[in-house]
Protein backbone atom coordinates (compact mmCIF):
# COMPACT_ATOMS: atom_id res chain seq x y z
CA MET A 1 -49.88 -75.04 -57.19
CA LYS A 2 -46.98 -76.42 -55.46
CA LYS A 3 -44.52 -74.75 -57.49
CA GLY A 4 -46.75 -71.46 -56.97
CA LYS A 5 -45.96 -72.31 -53.05
CA LYS A 6 -42.71 -73.14 -53.06
CA LYS A 7 -41.91 -69.40 -54.86
CA ILE A 8 -43.91 -67.51 -52.49
CA LYS A 9 -42.08 -69.89 -49.67
CA TRP A 10 -38.49 -68.76 -51.34
CA PHE A 11 -39.63 -64.85 -51.52
CA PHE A 12 -40.95 -64.75 -47.80
CA ILE A 13 -37.55 -66.21 -46.76
CA ILE A 14 -35.82 -64.11 -48.83
CA PHE A 15 -37.77 -61.00 -48.02
CA CYS A 16 -37.07 -62.13 -44.06
CA VAL A 17 -33.50 -62.06 -44.55
CA VAL A 18 -33.53 -58.39 -46.41
CA ALA A 19 -35.64 -57.24 -43.58
CA ILE A 20 -32.75 -58.57 -40.98
CA ILE A 21 -30.20 -57.26 -43.19
CA PHE A 22 -32.09 -54.03 -43.25
CA GLY A 23 -32.82 -53.99 -39.63
CA ILE A 24 -29.34 -54.87 -38.40
CA SER A 25 -27.74 -52.04 -41.05
CA SER A 26 -30.34 -49.26 -39.59
CA PHE A 27 -29.53 -50.52 -35.64
CA ALA A 28 -25.31 -50.00 -36.85
CA TYR A 29 -26.18 -46.89 -38.66
CA ILE A 30 -27.96 -45.37 -35.87
CA LYS A 31 -25.49 -46.77 -33.27
CA MET A 32 -22.57 -45.55 -35.13
CA LYS A 33 -24.35 -42.13 -36.19
CA GLU A 34 -25.27 -41.87 -32.09
CA LYS A 35 -21.66 -42.93 -31.53
CA LYS A 36 -20.13 -40.56 -34.08
CA GLU A 37 -22.35 -37.31 -32.49
CA GLN A 38 -21.26 -38.80 -28.89
CA ASP A 39 -17.38 -38.50 -30.31
CA HIS A 40 -18.11 -34.76 -31.90
CA ILE A 41 -20.00 -33.62 -28.42
CA GLN A 42 -16.95 -35.14 -26.67
CA GLU A 43 -14.22 -33.64 -28.64
CA ILE A 44 -16.26 -29.89 -28.34
CA LYS A 45 -15.77 -30.84 -24.39
CA ASP A 46 -12.35 -32.08 -24.72
CA HIS A 47 -11.14 -29.34 -26.75
CA TYR A 48 -12.89 -26.87 -24.57
CA GLN A 49 -11.01 -24.79 -21.99
CA GLU A 50 -11.91 -21.76 -19.63
CA LYS A 51 -9.37 -19.27 -21.99
CA MET A 52 -8.36 -19.79 -24.91
CA MET A 53 -6.87 -17.90 -28.31
CA VAL A 54 -8.40 -17.18 -31.31
CA LEU A 55 -6.73 -19.02 -34.36
CA LYS A 56 -8.03 -17.21 -37.04
CA ASP A 57 -9.82 -13.89 -37.98
CA THR A 58 -13.26 -15.01 -37.65
CA ASP A 59 -16.77 -14.02 -36.57
CA LEU A 60 -18.48 -13.16 -33.44
CA LEU A 61 -21.75 -14.70 -33.48
CA THR A 62 -25.40 -14.71 -31.50
CA ILE A 63 -27.70 -17.55 -31.15
CA ASP A 64 -31.65 -17.10 -30.84
CA HIS A 65 -33.60 -20.26 -30.61
CA GLU A 66 -31.17 -22.02 -32.62
CA GLU A 67 -30.99 -19.11 -34.89
CA ILE A 68 -27.57 -17.67 -35.81
CA GLN A 69 -26.52 -14.29 -36.96
CA LYS A 70 -23.31 -12.69 -37.33
CA ALA A 71 -22.24 -9.65 -35.26
CA GLY A 72 -19.00 -8.84 -35.78
CA LYS A 73 -15.47 -10.32 -35.90
CA VAL A 74 -12.76 -11.23 -33.50
CA TYR A 75 -9.05 -11.55 -34.80
CA GLN A 76 -6.27 -13.92 -34.61
CA GLY A 77 -4.46 -13.79 -31.75
CA GLU A 78 -7.08 -12.29 -29.28
CA MET A 79 -7.59 -14.44 -25.93
CA VAL A 80 -11.21 -14.84 -25.01
CA GLU A 81 -12.48 -16.30 -21.65
CA LEU A 82 -15.53 -18.87 -22.25
CA GLU A 83 -18.15 -19.66 -20.02
CA GLU A 84 -20.49 -22.04 -21.69
CA ILE A 85 -20.80 -24.80 -24.83
CA GLN A 86 -23.74 -24.72 -27.19
CA ASN A 87 -23.29 -27.23 -29.78
CA ASP A 88 -20.79 -26.35 -32.26
CA TYR A 89 -19.85 -23.19 -30.30
CA TYR A 90 -18.52 -21.79 -27.68
CA LYS A 91 -20.26 -18.82 -25.16
CA ILE A 92 -17.44 -15.77 -24.85
CA LYS A 93 -18.11 -14.83 -20.95
CA ASP A 94 -19.90 -12.01 -20.00
CA THR A 95 -20.77 -11.31 -23.56
CA PRO A 96 -23.64 -12.62 -25.62
CA TYR A 97 -21.56 -13.81 -28.03
CA TYR A 98 -20.27 -17.35 -29.21
CA ILE A 99 -17.65 -18.24 -31.59
CA TYR A 100 -17.49 -21.83 -33.52
CA TYR A 101 -15.40 -24.37 -31.40
CA GLN A 102 -12.45 -24.96 -33.97
CA ASP A 103 -11.66 -21.22 -34.69
CA VAL A 104 -10.29 -21.24 -30.76
CA GLY A 105 -7.52 -23.33 -29.49
CA GLU A 106 -4.63 -23.13 -27.15
CA LYS A 107 -2.36 -20.66 -26.63
CA LEU A 108 -0.08 -19.50 -29.91
CA ASN A 109 2.66 -18.86 -27.71
CA GLU A 110 3.74 -19.34 -23.92
CA ASN A 111 3.33 -15.51 -22.61
CA PRO A 112 1.23 -13.55 -25.11
CA THR A 113 1.18 -9.80 -25.15
CA GLU A 114 -1.43 -8.63 -22.92
CA GLU A 115 -1.96 -4.68 -22.18
CA GLN A 116 -0.61 -3.78 -18.46
CA GLU A 117 -2.69 -2.98 -16.15
CA LYS A 118 -2.65 0.83 -15.26
CA PRO A 119 -3.34 3.01 -12.11
CA TYR A 120 -6.41 5.06 -13.83
CA LEU A 121 -9.15 6.14 -12.68
CA PHE A 122 -12.70 6.43 -14.56
CA TRP A 123 -13.71 9.91 -16.06
CA ASN A 124 -16.84 10.64 -14.92
CA GLU A 125 -18.29 9.92 -18.14
CA ASN A 126 -18.80 7.38 -20.63
CA ALA A 127 -18.21 7.19 -24.37
CA ILE A 128 -20.98 6.14 -27.10
CA THR A 129 -19.35 4.38 -30.18
CA LYS A 130 -20.42 4.57 -33.66
CA SER A 131 -21.23 1.01 -35.33
CA PRO A 132 -19.44 -0.99 -36.36
CA VAL A 133 -16.79 -0.20 -33.97
CA ASP A 134 -13.17 -1.44 -33.79
CA LEU A 135 -11.31 -2.28 -30.62
CA TYR A 136 -7.80 -2.63 -30.06
CA GLN A 137 -5.78 -3.60 -27.61
CA ASN A 138 -1.71 -2.70 -28.22
CA ASN A 139 -2.03 -1.16 -31.57
CA THR A 140 -4.03 -4.53 -32.85
CA LYS A 141 -7.18 -4.44 -34.17
CA VAL A 142 -8.70 -7.16 -31.69
CA VAL A 143 -12.58 -7.19 -31.93
CA THR A 144 -15.23 -5.45 -34.53
CA LEU A 145 -18.67 -5.34 -33.31
CA GLU A 146 -21.51 -4.38 -35.50
CA LYS A 147 -23.15 -2.40 -32.80
CA THR A 148 -23.47 0.75 -30.86
CA ILE A 149 -21.92 0.31 -27.72
CA GLU A 150 -21.25 2.22 -24.23
CA ALA A 151 -18.34 2.06 -22.22
CA PRO A 152 -16.25 4.08 -19.29
CA ILE A 153 -13.53 5.76 -20.11
CA LEU A 154 -10.15 5.23 -18.74
CA GLN A 155 -7.94 7.67 -21.18
CA LYS A 156 -8.27 10.28 -23.47
CA LYS A 157 -5.88 10.79 -26.39
CA GLU A 158 -6.29 12.85 -29.27
CA ASP A 159 -6.01 9.71 -31.95
CA PHE A 160 -7.93 7.30 -29.46
CA TYR A 161 -9.87 6.60 -26.34
CA THR A 162 -9.03 4.13 -24.03
CA VAL A 163 -12.43 2.28 -22.88
CA SER A 164 -13.21 -0.87 -20.15
CA ILE A 165 -15.62 -3.48 -21.09
CA LYS A 166 -16.07 -6.22 -19.39
CA GLY A 167 -12.80 -5.48 -17.18
CA LYS A 168 -10.44 -5.72 -20.05
CA ASN A 169 -9.61 -2.23 -21.73
CA TYR A 170 -9.27 -1.03 -25.17
CA GLN A 171 -8.43 1.49 -27.54
CA ILE A 172 -11.23 3.12 -29.54
CA PRO A 173 -10.15 4.99 -32.56
CA THR A 174 -11.59 8.90 -31.70
CA GLU A 175 -13.32 8.99 -35.59
CA GLN A 176 -15.48 6.11 -34.04
CA ILE A 177 -16.90 7.90 -30.89
CA GLU A 178 -20.42 9.35 -31.74
CA SER A 179 -20.38 11.04 -28.17
CA THR A 180 -19.80 11.00 -24.46
CA ILE A 181 -22.20 11.20 -21.81
CA GLU A 182 -21.84 11.93 -17.75
CA LYS A 183 -21.57 9.50 -15.70
CA GLU A 184 -20.58 8.63 -11.71
CA ASN A 185 -17.50 6.05 -12.98
CA THR A 186 -15.41 6.92 -9.89
CA GLN A 187 -16.31 8.36 -6.04
CA GLU A 188 -12.22 8.20 -5.73
CA GLU A 189 -10.33 11.00 -4.93
CA GLU A 190 -8.27 12.35 -7.55
CA LEU A 191 -4.54 13.25 -8.27
CA LYS A 192 -3.75 17.38 -8.05
CA LYS A 193 -0.11 16.92 -7.66
CA ILE A 194 2.56 14.08 -7.69
CA SER A 195 5.45 13.61 -5.85
CA ILE A 196 8.87 12.42 -7.99
CA PHE A 197 11.32 10.47 -5.76
CA LEU A 198 14.74 9.82 -6.87
CA ILE A 199 16.30 7.12 -4.76
CA LYS A 200 19.73 7.74 -4.53
CA GLU A 201 20.50 4.15 -2.12
CA SER A 202 19.11 1.93 -0.48
CA LYS A 203 20.16 2.63 2.94
CA ASN A 204 17.18 3.85 5.25
CA ILE A 205 14.84 3.38 2.35
CA GLU A 206 12.74 0.27 3.68
CA GLU A 207 11.05 2.89 6.40
CA LYS A 208 9.87 4.61 3.63
CA LEU A 209 8.63 1.94 1.77
CA GLU A 210 6.42 0.65 4.50
CA TYR A 211 4.77 3.89 5.12
CA LEU A 212 4.03 4.08 1.38
CA LYS A 213 2.48 0.52 1.72
CA GLU A 214 0.95 1.84 5.07
CA LYS A 215 -1.13 4.44 2.95
CA ASN A 216 -1.82 2.55 -0.08
CA TYR A 217 0.06 4.19 -2.53
CA THR A 218 0.34 3.55 -6.08
CA TYR A 219 3.62 3.26 -8.26
CA ILE A 220 3.56 4.70 -11.67
CA GLN A 221 5.28 4.73 -14.95
CA GLU A 222 6.59 7.81 -16.97
CA GLU A 223 4.35 7.35 -19.49
CA ASP A 224 1.54 7.28 -16.72
CA LEU A 225 3.13 10.68 -15.56
CA LEU A 226 3.23 12.27 -18.79
CA SER A 227 -0.37 11.01 -19.34
CA PHE A 228 -1.40 12.75 -16.42
CA LEU A 229 0.25 16.16 -16.72
CA ASN A 230 -1.14 16.01 -20.78
CA LYS A 231 -4.77 15.91 -18.64
CA GLU A 232 -5.12 12.72 -20.66
CA VAL A 233 -5.90 10.28 -17.50
CA ARG A 234 -6.77 10.78 -14.03
CA LEU A 235 -4.76 9.42 -11.35
CA LYS A 236 -5.58 8.36 -7.55
CA ALA A 237 -4.93 10.81 -5.10
CA ASN A 238 -2.07 8.36 -3.67
CA SER A 239 0.00 8.34 -6.41
CA VAL A 240 4.33 8.35 -6.23
CA MET A 241 6.97 7.87 -8.93
CA VAL A 242 9.67 6.57 -8.44
CA LEU A 243 13.58 7.48 -10.38
CA VAL A 244 16.67 5.29 -10.18
CA GLU A 245 19.62 6.35 -12.06
CA ASN A 246 21.12 2.73 -11.76
CA THR A 247 20.33 -0.79 -10.29
CA GLU A 248 22.74 -0.24 -7.33
CA SER A 249 20.07 2.76 -6.13
CA LEU A 250 16.92 0.17 -5.39
CA SER A 251 17.77 -3.74 -4.29
CA GLN A 252 15.79 -6.16 -6.74
CA ASP A 253 14.58 -7.64 -2.82
CA LEU A 254 13.13 -4.46 -1.77
CA ILE A 255 11.67 -3.85 -5.37
CA GLU A 256 9.94 -7.47 -5.15
CA LYS A 257 8.93 -6.93 -1.77
CA TYR A 258 7.44 -3.78 -2.06
CA ASN A 259 6.35 -4.20 -5.43
CA ILE A 260 8.11 -0.99 -6.89
CA THR A 261 7.63 0.12 -10.48
CA VAL A 262 10.94 1.63 -10.92
CA ASN A 263 11.58 4.51 -13.71
CA ASN A 264 15.30 3.44 -14.58
CA LEU A 265 16.72 6.61 -16.27
CA GLU A 266 20.01 7.20 -17.57
CA ASN A 267 19.86 10.58 -18.42
CA ILE A 268 17.35 11.89 -15.76
CA GLU A 269 18.76 15.48 -15.59
CA GLU A 270 17.72 15.76 -19.20
CA ASN A 271 14.09 15.79 -18.40
CA TYR A 272 14.34 16.69 -14.37
CA GLN A 273 15.50 18.44 -11.73
CA ALA A 274 16.28 18.37 -8.36
CA GLY A 275 13.91 20.66 -6.29
CA ASP A 276 11.49 20.82 -3.31
CA GLU A 277 8.06 21.00 -4.87
CA GLN A 278 5.26 18.51 -6.67
CA VAL A 279 5.23 18.06 -10.03
CA GLU A 280 1.92 19.76 -11.54
CA LYS A 281 2.93 21.64 -14.75
CA LYS A 282 4.59 19.42 -17.86
CA ASP A 283 7.76 22.48 -18.80
CA ARG A 284 8.97 21.46 -14.88
CA LEU A 285 9.44 17.90 -13.75
CA VAL A 286 10.86 18.14 -10.58
CA TYR A 287 12.00 15.91 -8.15
CA TYR A 288 12.60 15.20 -4.75
CA LYS A 289 16.27 13.45 -3.92
CA VAL A 290 15.91 10.69 -1.18
CA ASP A 291 19.00 9.30 0.31
CA SER A 292 20.35 7.78 3.79
CA ASN A 293 19.89 11.37 5.63
CA THR A 294 16.26 11.59 4.17
CA THR A 295 14.21 11.14 7.56
CA LEU A 296 10.70 9.63 7.35
CA SER A 297 9.39 12.68 8.62
CA ARG A 298 10.96 15.24 5.76
CA PHE A 299 9.65 12.17 3.44
CA LYS A 300 5.93 12.28 4.64
CA ASP A 301 6.15 16.18 3.89
CA MET A 302 7.22 15.46 0.91
CA LEU A 303 4.88 13.48 -0.07
CA VAL A 304 2.09 16.40 0.74
CA GLY A 305 4.53 18.90 -0.91
CA LYS A 306 5.55 20.40 2.14
CA LYS A 307 8.72 22.74 1.85
CA GLU A 308 11.66 22.13 4.25
CA GLN A 309 11.52 24.30 6.68
CA LYS A 310 14.38 26.58 6.63
CA ILE A 311 16.16 27.47 10.06
CA THR A 312 17.48 30.71 10.54
CA THR A 313 16.85 31.29 14.04
CA SER A 314 17.72 28.27 16.24
CA VAL A 315 15.53 27.52 19.42
CA GLN A 316 17.09 28.18 22.34
CA LYS A 317 15.24 26.50 25.02
CA ILE A 318 12.86 23.55 24.46
CA ALA A 319 10.02 21.76 26.58
CA VAL A 320 10.58 18.18 27.80
CA LEU A 321 7.44 16.57 28.50
CA ASN A 322 6.84 13.91 30.78
CA TYR A 323 4.06 11.61 31.05
CA HIS A 324 3.12 8.16 32.80
CA PHE A 325 -0.31 6.73 32.27
CA PHE A 326 -3.31 7.38 30.10
CA TYR A 327 -6.46 6.25 30.58
CA ASP A 328 -10.19 6.28 29.19
CA GLU A 329 -13.30 7.43 32.10
CA THR A 330 -15.53 5.10 30.06
CA GLY A 331 -13.36 2.32 30.56
CA GLY A 332 -12.69 3.09 34.41
CA ALA A 333 -10.62 5.28 36.62
CA CYS A 334 -7.42 6.16 37.72
CA ASN A 335 -6.68 7.61 41.22
CA GLU A 336 -3.02 8.20 40.27
CA THR A 337 -1.89 12.11 40.04
CA ILE A 338 0.28 11.33 37.10
CA CYS A 339 -2.79 10.03 35.40
CA LEU A 340 -4.12 11.57 32.28
CA GLU A 341 -7.52 11.20 30.84
CA VAL A 342 -7.51 10.45 26.81
CA LYS A 343 -9.38 13.58 25.97
CA ARG A 344 -6.99 15.61 27.52
CA PHE A 345 -3.84 13.99 25.87
CA GLU A 346 -5.95 13.96 22.91
CA GLU A 347 -6.33 17.83 22.82
CA GLN A 348 -2.69 18.42 23.89
CA LEU A 349 -1.73 16.50 20.73
CA LYS A 350 -4.23 18.39 18.48
CA TYR A 351 -2.69 22.04 19.77
CA LEU A 352 0.52 20.83 18.76
CA LYS A 353 -0.32 19.68 15.28
CA GLU A 354 -2.61 22.53 14.37
CA ASN A 355 0.05 25.33 15.68
CA GLY A 356 2.93 23.35 13.42
CA PHE A 357 5.23 21.94 16.37
CA LYS A 358 7.65 19.42 15.65
CA THR A 359 8.00 16.51 18.18
CA LEU A 360 12.03 15.58 18.20
CA THR A 361 13.29 12.18 18.09
CA MET A 362 15.73 11.68 20.85
CA GLN A 363 18.70 11.67 17.93
CA GLU A 364 17.34 15.17 16.95
CA PHE A 365 17.41 16.31 20.65
CA ASN A 366 20.67 14.88 21.64
CA ASP A 367 22.20 16.61 18.29
CA TRP A 368 20.90 19.98 19.14
CA LEU A 369 22.07 19.82 22.67
CA ASP A 370 25.67 19.07 20.99
CA LYS A 371 25.07 21.93 18.65
CA LYS A 372 25.36 19.81 15.72
CA ILE A 373 21.95 20.71 14.27
CA GLU A 374 19.38 23.58 14.39
CA LEU A 375 15.95 23.37 15.44
CA PRO A 376 12.90 25.20 14.66
CA LYS A 377 11.72 27.74 18.11
CA LYS A 378 8.40 25.24 18.14
CA SER A 379 10.59 22.12 19.11
CA VAL A 380 8.92 19.62 21.82
CA LEU A 381 10.18 16.55 23.18
CA LEU A 382 7.23 14.33 24.38
CA THR A 383 8.44 11.46 26.87
CA ILE A 384 6.52 8.81 28.60
CA ASP A 385 7.77 6.86 31.69
CA ASP A 386 7.26 3.30 32.61
CA GLY A 387 4.95 1.77 30.30
CA ALA A 388 1.95 0.72 32.02
CA MET A 389 -1.84 1.55 31.78
CA GLY A 390 -2.73 3.09 28.11
CA THR A 391 0.82 3.15 26.79
CA ASN A 392 0.29 0.40 24.51
CA THR A 393 -3.08 1.31 23.37
CA HIS A 394 -4.03 4.78 23.77
CA LEU A 395 -0.69 6.36 23.36
CA PRO A 396 0.12 4.35 20.05
CA ALA A 397 -3.16 5.44 18.00
CA LEU A 398 -3.25 9.21 19.04
CA LEU A 399 0.40 9.44 17.92
CA ALA A 400 -0.69 8.01 14.69
CA LYS A 401 -3.81 10.37 14.40
CA TYR A 402 -1.74 13.14 14.56
CA ASP A 403 1.20 12.07 13.04
CA LEU A 404 3.33 13.19 16.19
CA LYS A 405 6.89 11.46 17.62
CA ALA A 406 7.43 10.52 21.25
CA THR A 407 9.55 8.42 23.49
CA LEU A 408 9.22 5.89 25.76
CA PHE A 409 11.09 5.07 29.25
CA LEU A 410 10.66 1.32 29.04
CA ILE A 411 10.87 -0.62 32.02
CA SER A 412 13.10 -3.21 29.86
CA GLY A 413 11.95 -6.38 32.79
CA TRP A 414 8.69 -5.43 32.88
CA TRP A 415 6.96 -5.12 29.50
CA PRO A 416 7.92 -6.71 26.33
CA MET A 417 9.14 -4.36 23.20
CA SER A 418 7.02 -5.70 21.18
CA LYS A 419 4.15 -4.46 22.55
CA TYR A 420 5.07 -0.82 21.96
CA THR A 421 6.52 -1.38 18.66
CA VAL A 422 4.83 1.21 16.22
CA GLY A 423 6.42 4.05 14.04
CA ASN A 424 5.71 6.98 16.24
CA LEU A 425 7.09 5.63 19.32
CA GLU A 426 10.68 5.20 19.81
CA ILE A 427 12.07 3.62 23.20
CA GLN A 428 14.82 4.25 25.42
CA SER A 429 16.21 3.29 28.90
CA HIS A 430 14.44 3.40 32.57
CA GLY A 431 16.60 0.72 33.45
CA HIS A 432 15.63 -3.26 33.43
CA ASP A 433 14.16 -4.14 36.80
CA LEU A 434 15.37 -0.49 38.59
CA HIS A 435 11.82 0.38 39.34
CA HIS A 436 11.61 -0.05 42.93
CA ASN A 437 11.13 2.85 46.05
CA ASP A 438 10.66 0.21 48.65
CA TYR A 439 13.74 -1.83 47.90
CA CYS A 440 15.85 -3.07 51.11
CA LYS A 441 19.40 -3.86 51.14
CA ASP A 442 22.06 -4.01 53.93
CA GLY A 443 19.72 -2.41 56.34
CA SER A 444 18.48 0.40 54.00
CA CYS A 445 15.39 0.82 52.50
CA GLY A 446 14.50 2.97 49.61
CA VAL A 447 14.93 3.55 45.72
CA LYS A 448 16.74 0.67 44.06
CA THR A 449 18.93 2.78 42.28
CA LEU A 450 20.48 4.89 44.95
CA LEU A 451 21.62 1.54 47.05
CA LEU A 452 22.68 -0.85 44.52
CA SER A 453 26.70 -0.82 43.90
CA ASP A 454 28.50 0.83 40.97
CA GLU A 455 28.80 -2.81 39.20
CA GLU A 456 25.07 -3.76 40.05
CA LEU A 457 24.06 -0.77 38.37
CA ARG A 458 25.95 -1.27 35.60
CA GLU A 459 24.90 -4.51 35.16
CA ASP A 460 21.11 -3.88 35.04
CA LEU A 461 22.02 -0.75 32.64
CA LYS A 462 23.54 -3.27 29.74
CA LEU A 463 21.27 -5.93 30.03
CA SER A 464 18.08 -2.71 29.57
CA LYS A 465 20.58 -1.85 26.90
CA GLN A 466 20.82 -5.10 25.42
CA THR A 467 17.10 -5.94 25.66
CA ILE A 468 15.93 -2.53 23.57
CA GLY A 469 18.46 -2.52 21.00
CA ASP A 470 21.45 0.29 22.07
CA PRO A 471 19.20 3.13 23.43
CA ILE A 472 21.03 6.36 24.01
CA ALA A 473 19.25 8.11 26.83
CA PHE A 474 17.97 7.14 30.12
CA CYS A 475 15.40 8.44 32.66
CA PHE A 476 16.15 7.99 36.38
CA PRO A 477 13.61 6.19 37.88
CA PHE A 478 11.25 8.24 40.54
CA TYR A 479 14.00 11.05 39.51
CA ALA A 480 16.48 9.67 42.37
CA TYR A 481 19.63 10.09 41.28
CA ASN A 482 23.23 11.26 42.93
CA GLU A 483 26.44 11.88 41.48
CA ARG A 484 27.89 8.31 41.74
CA VAL A 485 24.94 6.98 39.87
CA ILE A 486 25.11 9.86 37.42
CA ASN A 487 28.82 8.75 36.74
CA VAL A 488 28.16 4.88 35.96
CA VAL A 489 24.74 6.39 33.88
CA LYS A 490 27.87 8.11 31.81
CA GLN A 491 29.70 5.27 30.68
CA GLU A 492 26.31 3.75 29.36
CA PHE A 493 24.33 6.29 27.91
CA SER A 494 24.99 9.97 26.32
CA LEU A 495 22.04 11.84 28.26
CA ALA A 496 19.57 11.21 31.08
CA PHE A 497 16.68 13.17 32.50
CA ILE A 498 14.85 14.14 35.56
CA GLY A 499 12.18 16.18 36.77
CA GLY A 500 12.09 19.83 37.42
CA ASN A 501 9.31 21.43 35.64
CA GLN A 502 11.22 24.00 33.49
CA LYS A 503 12.88 23.87 30.06
CA ALA A 504 15.99 22.15 29.22
CA SER A 505 18.69 24.23 27.23
CA ARG A 506 21.92 23.75 25.50
CA ASN A 507 23.17 24.80 28.80
CA SER A 508 21.92 21.59 30.85
CA ASN A 509 23.83 19.21 32.38
CA LYS A 510 23.39 16.21 29.83
CA TYR A 511 22.98 13.55 32.72
CA LYS A 512 20.33 16.06 34.41
CA ILE A 513 17.84 17.15 31.64
CA PRO A 514 14.95 18.58 33.43
CA ARG A 515 10.81 17.99 32.29
CA TYR A 516 7.93 19.19 32.77
CA ILE A 517 5.48 16.62 34.71
CA ILE A 518 1.82 16.14 33.11
CA TYR A 519 -0.64 15.34 35.92
CA LYS A 520 -4.29 14.34 36.16
CA ASN A 521 -4.77 18.09 36.31
CA THR A 522 -2.88 19.78 34.03
CA SER A 523 -5.32 22.68 32.22
CA LEU A 524 -4.45 23.15 28.31
CA GLU A 525 -3.54 26.73 29.13
CA SER A 526 -1.00 25.37 31.30
CA PHE A 527 0.26 22.70 28.98
CA LYS A 528 0.34 26.04 26.12
CA ASN A 529 2.65 28.14 28.75
CA MET A 530 4.99 24.79 29.16
CA VAL A 531 5.79 24.36 25.65
CA ASN A 532 5.97 28.21 24.59
């Protein structure tokens, strides 16, 4: 009896020991399994990056309620953007597809070849593909999808279409295109003709590059031009092409500053020819030559295909118009007779623009007087005195709107030049602090210009020149002058302006250039008579 009880006791002890060992082992196994799973999850998380490269040809997958199905293939070297982790898989951004986490890794090389973004407009139609469909980049197959897709078309070539899918461009062989369907993919204006510029030198080019930047022009490459002429692509209306013959033609600093796409062609004359027109036919590639003598005005004409005006008969007399103040009735009145309401001023500018008048720079006017250049019959010089009311607000905006030029005779000691620095308004001298008509000296009172000594007058003129930056023209304050004053002005300036209400001619005294004064009550008909 005692022996049987002893056996049971040992059996119970052994059972308890086994149970304890089993329990400890099971607990250790569970903990080890949990740690392994945690390590695995951490490995997947540590491996993850937002952008990774496919390390080998691998399957694209869809996951629906844990059911995994093959949906296509992605090939070695393709870069994929990832957005989330699901078990052993990464989801590819903006798609329904997943990829096994070990099939992607860090970049295989530092600078993978990625297709350059092209300045193309979408065609107003989408491509509908067959199934399966192969997607290419840089002539390399990167993805195969086992379903039909629809995507907007960027380029149509005989052997492939370029389409945009999730913000990336892919080529699809034309035999895999089932059909196309009309869509409104873009409302942007399409290019009809394009200007090609051969830049000969960097001198005086920056103002033209600034204009292109201001108007949001797009630079294209030669391959884009040929695709456009072959009607394979659509380009934005504001597109240009820049040619250079060598690296000295356009400085690297300017190329980088303005982000210019430069076509450096060694044998330009083999395929291109100089001319005065935009390009629209493939068999005639014409460029505009741009050098230091090309004015900004002429450059703007080139951008819209306007031919250079050949002057056969030069103008014999030119109207010089004299403005002072500009005001808007809604913002308050102006009681001076030399004030001009903005609506009237705009009427005048509109007339000049619509009737083909050339608004002159001061240098052009001076060169015409000296018989160095000829000017068209419809030429006019717009001048504004002082720099007061509306000159730095209404004036620049309207000049820009109608793309017309004017000259401001600035009282340089009263207002800073920075208030008036705009492309269509140049600044000349109205003296530094001469604009006083109640100045008194040595018992005499009157216009300050007439009362200063030669040396005092010369000091003021020199200070004005230094402030403005070497102007060539002067305007007499209050139209007051005498021969003594003129002799001092001659030493500092090339020409000077007065009143007079008549046109200037080449026979005019260069230091008594007459101007038509524009008053508050100057009618449009009177204005027309002045300029015509």
